[in-house]
N, C-alpha and C. Protein backbone atom coordinates (compact mmCIF):
# COMPACT_ATOMS: atom_id res chain seq x y z
N UNK A 1 75.91 71.05 129.66
CA UNK A 1 75.29 72.22 129.06
C UNK A 1 73.78 72.03 129.09
N UNK A 2 73.08 72.94 129.74
CA UNK A 2 71.63 72.88 129.79
C UNK A 2 71.01 73.93 128.88
N UNK A 3 69.73 73.79 128.63
CA UNK A 3 69.04 74.77 127.78
C UNK A 3 69.01 76.15 128.41
N UNK A 4 69.28 76.25 129.71
CA UNK A 4 69.31 77.56 130.35
C UNK A 4 70.56 78.35 129.99
N UNK A 5 71.53 77.73 129.31
CA UNK A 5 72.74 78.41 128.85
C UNK A 5 72.75 78.59 127.34
N UNK A 6 71.69 78.15 126.66
CA UNK A 6 71.60 78.25 125.20
C UNK A 6 70.68 79.41 124.84
N UNK A 7 71.15 80.27 123.95
CA UNK A 7 70.45 81.50 123.61
C UNK A 7 70.14 81.59 122.13
N UNK A 8 69.03 82.24 121.84
CA UNK A 8 68.69 82.65 120.48
C UNK A 8 68.76 84.18 120.49
N UNK A 9 69.55 84.75 119.61
CA UNK A 9 69.73 86.20 119.57
C UNK A 9 69.09 86.72 118.30
N UNK A 10 68.17 87.65 118.45
CA UNK A 10 67.46 88.22 117.32
C UNK A 10 68.45 88.86 116.35
N UNK A 11 68.29 88.53 115.06
CA UNK A 11 69.15 89.10 114.04
C UNK A 11 70.42 88.30 113.81
N UNK A 12 70.66 87.28 114.61
CA UNK A 12 71.85 86.45 114.46
C UNK A 12 71.42 85.02 114.15
N UNK A 13 72.02 84.39 113.16
CA UNK A 13 71.60 83.01 112.81
C UNK A 13 72.09 81.99 113.83
N UNK A 14 71.32 80.94 114.01
CA UNK A 14 71.73 79.83 114.86
C UNK A 14 71.50 80.07 116.33
N UNK A 15 72.20 79.28 117.13
CA UNK A 15 72.11 79.34 118.58
C UNK A 15 73.47 79.69 119.16
N UNK A 16 73.44 80.19 120.40
CA UNK A 16 74.66 80.60 121.07
C UNK A 16 74.69 80.03 122.48
N UNK A 17 75.90 79.77 122.96
CA UNK A 17 76.09 79.31 124.32
C UNK A 17 76.63 80.48 125.15
N UNK A 18 76.00 80.74 126.28
CA UNK A 18 76.45 81.79 127.18
C UNK A 18 77.77 81.37 127.79
N UNK A 19 78.82 82.18 127.60
CA UNK A 19 80.13 81.79 128.12
C UNK A 19 80.59 82.67 129.28
N UNK A 20 80.28 83.97 129.23
CA UNK A 20 80.72 84.86 130.30
C UNK A 20 79.84 86.10 130.35
N UNK A 21 79.73 86.67 131.55
CA UNK A 21 78.99 87.92 131.69
C UNK A 21 79.98 89.07 131.75
N UNK A 22 79.58 90.21 131.20
CA UNK A 22 80.38 91.41 131.25
C UNK A 22 79.56 92.50 131.94
N UNK A 23 80.15 93.65 132.12
CA UNK A 23 79.44 94.73 132.78
C UNK A 23 78.22 95.19 131.97
N UNK A 24 78.35 95.23 130.66
CA UNK A 24 77.27 95.74 129.82
C UNK A 24 76.48 94.68 129.08
N UNK A 25 76.70 93.41 129.39
CA UNK A 25 76.02 92.34 128.68
C UNK A 25 76.68 91.00 128.94
N UNK A 26 77.00 90.29 127.88
CA UNK A 26 77.66 88.99 128.05
C UNK A 26 78.35 88.58 126.76
N UNK A 27 79.14 87.52 126.86
CA UNK A 27 79.85 86.94 125.72
C UNK A 27 79.18 85.62 125.40
N UNK A 28 78.90 85.40 124.13
CA UNK A 28 78.25 84.16 123.70
C UNK A 28 79.06 83.53 122.57
N UNK A 29 79.10 82.19 122.57
CA UNK A 29 79.82 81.45 121.54
C UNK A 29 78.82 80.80 120.60
N UNK A 30 78.98 81.01 119.31
CA UNK A 30 78.08 80.44 118.31
C UNK A 30 78.23 78.93 118.27
N UNK A 31 77.10 78.22 118.23
CA UNK A 31 77.13 76.77 118.09
C UNK A 31 77.30 76.37 116.63
N UNK A 32 77.17 77.33 115.71
CA UNK A 32 77.35 77.04 114.29
C UNK A 32 78.82 77.05 113.89
N UNK A 33 79.55 78.11 114.27
CA UNK A 33 80.94 78.25 113.82
C UNK A 33 81.95 78.43 114.95
N UNK A 34 81.49 78.49 116.20
CA UNK A 34 82.39 78.60 117.34
C UNK A 34 82.91 80.00 117.61
N UNK A 35 82.50 80.99 116.83
CA UNK A 35 82.97 82.36 117.03
C UNK A 35 82.30 82.96 118.26
N UNK A 36 83.06 83.77 118.99
CA UNK A 36 82.51 84.45 120.17
C UNK A 36 82.09 85.86 119.78
N UNK A 37 80.96 86.29 120.34
CA UNK A 37 80.48 87.65 120.09
C UNK A 37 80.12 88.30 121.42
N UNK A 38 80.23 89.61 121.46
CA UNK A 38 79.79 90.37 122.62
C UNK A 38 78.34 90.78 122.38
N UNK A 39 77.51 90.54 123.37
CA UNK A 39 76.09 90.86 123.25
C UNK A 39 75.76 91.87 124.35
N UNK A 40 75.18 93.00 123.94
CA UNK A 40 74.81 93.99 124.95
C UNK A 40 73.31 93.95 125.21
N UNK A 41 72.85 94.79 126.07
CA UNK A 41 71.45 94.76 126.50
C UNK A 41 70.47 95.23 125.43
N UNK A 42 70.97 95.82 124.35
CA UNK A 42 70.07 96.24 123.27
C UNK A 42 69.60 95.09 122.41
N UNK A 43 70.32 93.98 122.43
CA UNK A 43 69.93 92.80 121.63
C UNK A 43 68.72 92.12 122.27
N UNK A 44 67.86 91.60 121.43
CA UNK A 44 66.72 90.81 121.91
C UNK A 44 67.18 89.36 122.03
N UNK A 45 67.29 88.88 123.26
CA UNK A 45 67.83 87.55 123.53
C UNK A 45 66.76 86.68 124.18
N UNK A 46 66.64 85.44 123.70
CA UNK A 46 65.72 84.47 124.28
C UNK A 46 66.51 83.27 124.79
N UNK A 47 66.22 82.85 126.00
CA UNK A 47 66.84 81.65 126.57
C UNK A 47 65.93 80.48 126.21
N UNK A 48 66.49 79.42 125.64
CA UNK A 48 65.66 78.32 125.16
C UNK A 48 64.81 77.68 126.25
N UNK A 49 65.32 77.64 127.47
CA UNK A 49 64.56 77.00 128.55
C UNK A 49 63.32 77.82 128.94
N UNK A 50 63.25 79.08 128.48
CA UNK A 50 62.11 79.94 128.81
C UNK A 50 61.05 79.99 127.70
N UNK A 51 61.31 79.36 126.58
CA UNK A 51 60.40 79.40 125.43
C UNK A 51 59.35 78.30 125.56
N UNK A 52 58.12 78.62 125.19
CA UNK A 52 57.04 77.63 125.20
C UNK A 52 56.28 77.71 123.87
N UNK A 53 55.62 76.60 123.53
CA UNK A 53 54.87 76.50 122.29
C UNK A 53 53.39 76.43 122.63
N UNK A 54 52.58 77.19 121.92
CA UNK A 54 51.14 77.22 122.17
C UNK A 54 50.46 75.94 121.67
N UNK A 55 49.59 75.39 122.52
CA UNK A 55 48.69 74.32 122.09
C UNK A 55 47.28 74.84 122.38
N UNK A 56 46.28 74.05 122.02
CA UNK A 56 44.91 74.48 122.25
C UNK A 56 44.55 74.47 123.74
N UNK A 57 45.29 73.71 124.55
CA UNK A 57 44.95 73.60 125.97
C UNK A 57 45.92 74.34 126.88
N UNK A 58 47.21 74.40 126.52
CA UNK A 58 48.21 75.01 127.39
C UNK A 58 49.44 75.39 126.57
N UNK A 59 50.44 75.92 127.26
CA UNK A 59 51.72 76.20 126.63
C UNK A 59 52.68 75.08 127.02
N UNK A 60 53.28 74.44 126.04
CA UNK A 60 54.22 73.34 126.27
C UNK A 60 55.64 73.90 126.21
N UNK A 61 56.46 73.67 127.24
CA UNK A 61 57.85 74.15 127.20
C UNK A 61 58.61 73.57 126.01
N UNK A 62 59.50 74.36 125.45
CA UNK A 62 60.30 73.94 124.30
C UNK A 62 61.08 72.66 124.62
N UNK A 63 61.49 72.50 125.87
CA UNK A 63 62.21 71.29 126.30
C UNK A 63 61.40 70.05 125.95
N UNK A 64 60.11 70.06 126.23
CA UNK A 64 59.25 68.91 125.96
C UNK A 64 59.07 68.69 124.46
N UNK A 65 58.96 69.75 123.70
CA UNK A 65 58.82 69.64 122.25
C UNK A 65 60.09 69.03 121.65
N UNK A 66 61.25 69.49 122.11
CA UNK A 66 62.52 68.95 121.62
C UNK A 66 62.64 67.47 121.99
N UNK A 67 62.18 67.11 123.17
CA UNK A 67 62.22 65.71 123.61
C UNK A 67 61.31 64.84 122.71
N UNK A 68 60.15 65.38 122.33
CA UNK A 68 59.24 64.64 121.45
C UNK A 68 59.84 64.46 120.06
N UNK A 69 60.54 65.48 119.57
CA UNK A 69 61.22 65.36 118.27
C UNK A 69 62.30 64.29 118.38
N UNK A 70 63.04 64.30 119.49
CA UNK A 70 64.09 63.31 119.70
C UNK A 70 63.52 61.89 119.70
N UNK A 71 62.38 61.70 120.36
CA UNK A 71 61.74 60.38 120.39
C UNK A 71 61.32 59.96 118.97
N UNK A 72 60.74 60.90 118.23
CA UNK A 72 60.30 60.60 116.86
C UNK A 72 61.47 60.23 115.97
N UNK A 73 62.59 60.91 116.15
CA UNK A 73 63.76 60.72 115.29
C UNK A 73 64.78 59.73 115.87
N UNK A 74 64.43 59.06 116.97
CA UNK A 74 65.33 58.10 117.63
C UNK A 74 66.69 58.72 117.97
N UNK A 75 66.68 59.97 118.40
CA UNK A 75 67.90 60.64 118.84
C UNK A 75 68.76 61.23 117.74
N UNK A 76 68.35 61.08 116.50
CA UNK A 76 69.13 61.61 115.38
C UNK A 76 68.59 62.94 114.88
N UNK A 77 69.17 63.41 113.79
CA UNK A 77 68.71 64.65 113.18
C UNK A 77 67.31 64.45 112.59
N UNK A 78 66.61 65.54 112.36
CA UNK A 78 65.24 65.45 111.85
C UNK A 78 65.22 64.91 110.43
N UNK A 79 64.13 64.23 110.11
CA UNK A 79 63.96 63.69 108.77
C UNK A 79 63.50 64.76 107.79
N UNK A 80 63.20 65.94 108.31
CA UNK A 80 62.77 67.06 107.48
C UNK A 80 63.78 68.20 107.62
N UNK A 81 64.03 68.88 106.54
CA UNK A 81 64.93 70.03 106.54
C UNK A 81 64.17 71.26 107.00
N UNK A 82 64.84 72.19 107.70
CA UNK A 82 64.18 73.41 108.14
C UNK A 82 63.80 74.32 106.97
N UNK A 83 64.26 74.00 105.77
CA UNK A 83 63.90 74.78 104.58
C UNK A 83 62.77 74.13 103.79
N UNK A 84 62.13 73.12 104.37
CA UNK A 84 61.02 72.42 103.70
C UNK A 84 59.83 73.36 103.54
N UNK A 85 58.87 72.95 102.75
CA UNK A 85 57.69 73.78 102.51
C UNK A 85 56.84 73.89 103.77
N UNK A 86 55.97 74.88 103.78
CA UNK A 86 55.09 75.11 104.93
C UNK A 86 54.22 73.88 105.22
N UNK A 87 53.68 73.28 104.16
CA UNK A 87 52.81 72.10 104.34
C UNK A 87 53.58 70.93 104.94
N UNK A 88 54.81 70.71 104.47
CA UNK A 88 55.62 69.62 105.00
C UNK A 88 55.94 69.85 106.48
N UNK A 89 56.27 71.10 106.82
CA UNK A 89 56.57 71.42 108.23
C UNK A 89 55.34 71.25 109.11
N UNK A 90 54.19 71.69 108.63
CA UNK A 90 52.95 71.54 109.41
C UNK A 90 52.62 70.07 109.63
N UNK A 91 52.81 69.25 108.60
CA UNK A 91 52.55 67.81 108.73
C UNK A 91 53.51 67.18 109.73
N UNK A 92 54.78 67.55 109.66
CA UNK A 92 55.79 67.03 110.59
C UNK A 92 55.46 67.46 112.02
N UNK A 93 55.15 68.74 112.18
CA UNK A 93 54.88 69.28 113.51
C UNK A 93 53.62 68.67 114.12
N UNK A 94 52.62 68.38 113.29
CA UNK A 94 51.40 67.77 113.82
C UNK A 94 51.65 66.34 114.28
N UNK A 95 52.67 65.68 113.74
CA UNK A 95 53.06 64.35 114.24
C UNK A 95 53.75 64.47 115.60
N UNK A 96 54.58 65.49 115.74
CA UNK A 96 55.34 65.68 116.98
C UNK A 96 54.44 66.24 118.09
N UNK A 97 53.65 67.24 117.76
CA UNK A 97 52.80 67.92 118.73
C UNK A 97 51.41 68.08 118.12
N UNK A 98 50.57 67.04 118.20
CA UNK A 98 49.29 67.03 117.47
C UNK A 98 48.34 68.19 117.80
N UNK A 99 48.38 68.70 119.01
CA UNK A 99 47.42 69.74 119.38
C UNK A 99 48.02 71.15 119.40
N UNK A 100 49.10 71.37 118.61
CA UNK A 100 49.65 72.73 118.57
C UNK A 100 48.62 73.68 117.97
N UNK A 101 48.64 74.91 118.44
CA UNK A 101 47.68 75.92 118.00
C UNK A 101 48.09 76.44 116.63
N UNK A 102 47.37 76.04 115.60
CA UNK A 102 47.72 76.39 114.23
C UNK A 102 47.62 77.89 113.94
N UNK A 103 46.83 78.61 114.75
CA UNK A 103 46.69 80.05 114.54
C UNK A 103 47.83 80.85 115.18
N UNK A 104 48.47 80.28 116.20
CA UNK A 104 49.50 81.02 116.94
C UNK A 104 50.91 80.48 116.76
N UNK A 105 51.05 79.29 116.19
CA UNK A 105 52.38 78.74 115.90
C UNK A 105 52.56 78.82 114.39
N UNK A 106 53.46 79.70 113.98
CA UNK A 106 53.66 79.96 112.56
C UNK A 106 54.71 79.03 111.96
N UNK A 107 54.74 78.98 110.63
CA UNK A 107 55.73 78.16 109.92
C UNK A 107 57.15 78.61 110.29
N UNK A 108 57.34 79.90 110.50
CA UNK A 108 58.67 80.40 110.89
C UNK A 108 59.08 79.86 112.26
N UNK A 109 58.11 79.68 113.17
CA UNK A 109 58.41 79.11 114.48
C UNK A 109 58.83 77.64 114.33
N UNK A 110 58.10 76.91 113.50
CA UNK A 110 58.42 75.50 113.26
C UNK A 110 59.81 75.38 112.65
N UNK A 111 60.12 76.27 111.70
CA UNK A 111 61.43 76.27 111.05
C UNK A 111 62.53 76.45 112.09
N UNK A 112 62.34 77.42 113.01
CA UNK A 112 63.34 77.68 114.05
C UNK A 112 63.51 76.47 114.96
N UNK A 113 62.42 75.86 115.38
CA UNK A 113 62.49 74.73 116.29
C UNK A 113 63.23 73.56 115.65
N UNK A 114 62.91 73.27 114.39
CA UNK A 114 63.58 72.18 113.68
C UNK A 114 65.06 72.50 113.52
N UNK A 115 65.37 73.73 113.15
CA UNK A 115 66.76 74.15 112.98
C UNK A 115 67.50 74.08 114.31
N UNK A 116 66.89 74.58 115.39
CA UNK A 116 67.51 74.55 116.71
C UNK A 116 67.77 73.12 117.16
N UNK A 117 66.79 72.25 116.96
CA UNK A 117 66.96 70.84 117.35
C UNK A 117 68.17 70.25 116.66
N UNK A 118 68.28 70.46 115.35
CA UNK A 118 69.40 69.90 114.59
C UNK A 118 70.74 70.48 115.04
N UNK A 119 70.78 71.77 115.35
CA UNK A 119 72.01 72.40 115.85
C UNK A 119 72.41 71.78 117.18
N UNK A 120 71.44 71.60 118.07
CA UNK A 120 71.74 71.01 119.38
C UNK A 120 72.25 69.58 119.24
N UNK A 121 71.62 68.79 118.38
CA UNK A 121 72.05 67.40 118.15
C UNK A 121 73.47 67.37 117.58
N UNK A 122 73.76 68.24 116.61
CA UNK A 122 75.09 68.29 116.00
C UNK A 122 76.17 68.64 117.02
N UNK A 123 75.79 69.40 118.05
CA UNK A 123 76.76 69.83 119.07
C UNK A 123 76.77 68.91 120.28
N UNK A 124 76.18 67.73 120.14
CA UNK A 124 76.25 66.74 121.20
C UNK A 124 75.27 66.94 122.35
N UNK A 125 74.36 67.87 122.20
CA UNK A 125 73.36 68.08 123.24
C UNK A 125 72.14 67.25 122.88
N UNK A 126 71.95 66.14 123.59
CA UNK A 126 70.84 65.27 123.22
C UNK A 126 69.99 64.83 124.41
N UNK A 127 70.25 65.35 125.60
CA UNK A 127 69.42 64.98 126.74
C UNK A 127 68.59 66.19 127.17
N UNK A 128 67.45 66.34 126.52
CA UNK A 128 66.58 67.48 126.81
C UNK A 128 65.76 67.25 128.06
N UNK A 129 65.69 66.03 128.55
CA UNK A 129 64.81 65.70 129.67
C UNK A 129 65.36 66.11 131.03
N UNK A 130 66.60 66.57 131.11
CA UNK A 130 67.19 66.94 132.40
C UNK A 130 66.34 67.98 133.13
N UNK A 131 66.07 69.10 132.48
CA UNK A 131 65.28 70.15 133.12
C UNK A 131 63.85 69.68 133.35
N UNK A 132 63.33 68.90 132.42
CA UNK A 132 61.94 68.43 132.50
C UNK A 132 61.74 67.58 133.75
N UNK A 133 62.71 66.72 134.06
CA UNK A 133 62.59 65.85 135.23
C UNK A 133 62.59 66.67 136.51
N UNK A 134 63.44 67.68 136.61
CA UNK A 134 63.48 68.49 137.82
C UNK A 134 62.19 69.29 137.97
N UNK A 135 61.64 69.77 136.85
CA UNK A 135 60.37 70.49 136.91
C UNK A 135 59.25 69.56 137.36
N UNK A 136 59.28 68.33 136.88
CA UNK A 136 58.25 67.36 137.25
C UNK A 136 58.30 67.07 138.74
N UNK A 137 59.49 66.94 139.30
CA UNK A 137 59.62 66.70 140.74
C UNK A 137 59.05 67.87 141.53
N UNK A 138 59.35 69.09 141.10
CA UNK A 138 58.84 70.27 141.80
C UNK A 138 57.32 70.34 141.70
N UNK A 139 56.78 70.00 140.54
CA UNK A 139 55.34 70.01 140.35
C UNK A 139 54.66 68.99 141.27
N UNK A 140 55.24 67.80 141.38
CA UNK A 140 54.69 66.78 142.26
C UNK A 140 54.70 67.22 143.71
N UNK A 141 55.79 67.88 144.13
CA UNK A 141 55.86 68.38 145.50
C UNK A 141 54.76 69.41 145.76
N UNK A 142 54.55 70.30 144.80
CA UNK A 142 53.51 71.32 144.94
C UNK A 142 52.11 70.68 145.02
N UNK A 143 51.88 69.63 144.23
CA UNK A 143 50.59 68.96 144.24
C UNK A 143 50.33 68.23 145.54
N UNK A 144 51.41 67.67 146.16
CA UNK A 144 51.25 66.93 147.41
C UNK A 144 50.90 67.86 148.56
N UNK A 145 51.39 69.08 148.52
CA UNK A 145 51.14 70.05 149.60
C UNK A 145 49.75 70.56 149.47
């Protein structure tokens, strides 16, 4: 399971795994309770592999941020709860990603990232570097040319 199959659906709690496509949308399975839902094109859906976090210099892919959290937590769940105070989340996030853009990354974004990381870890998804390595190889090829 890669991050390209994991979805965040606006208005729905947690994360979902893309299981099948239909004529008018797709079927997704909740990673929280395992229930399947039909999602049509009216829903606002984000694929985790397409999300990036603002820093002062560039946009860092969510894959890299999740990998940094994993390194900090030694592969386990986060030491902070996603319901922690804004100050606690900002302090935690500045340890993980020191140059995140404080004006464009809100506490609600940090809450989602921490919650998503914990959901992924609970569901056995702990190798975030898979996509990152393939992107790095492609980037190196482009630089050599």
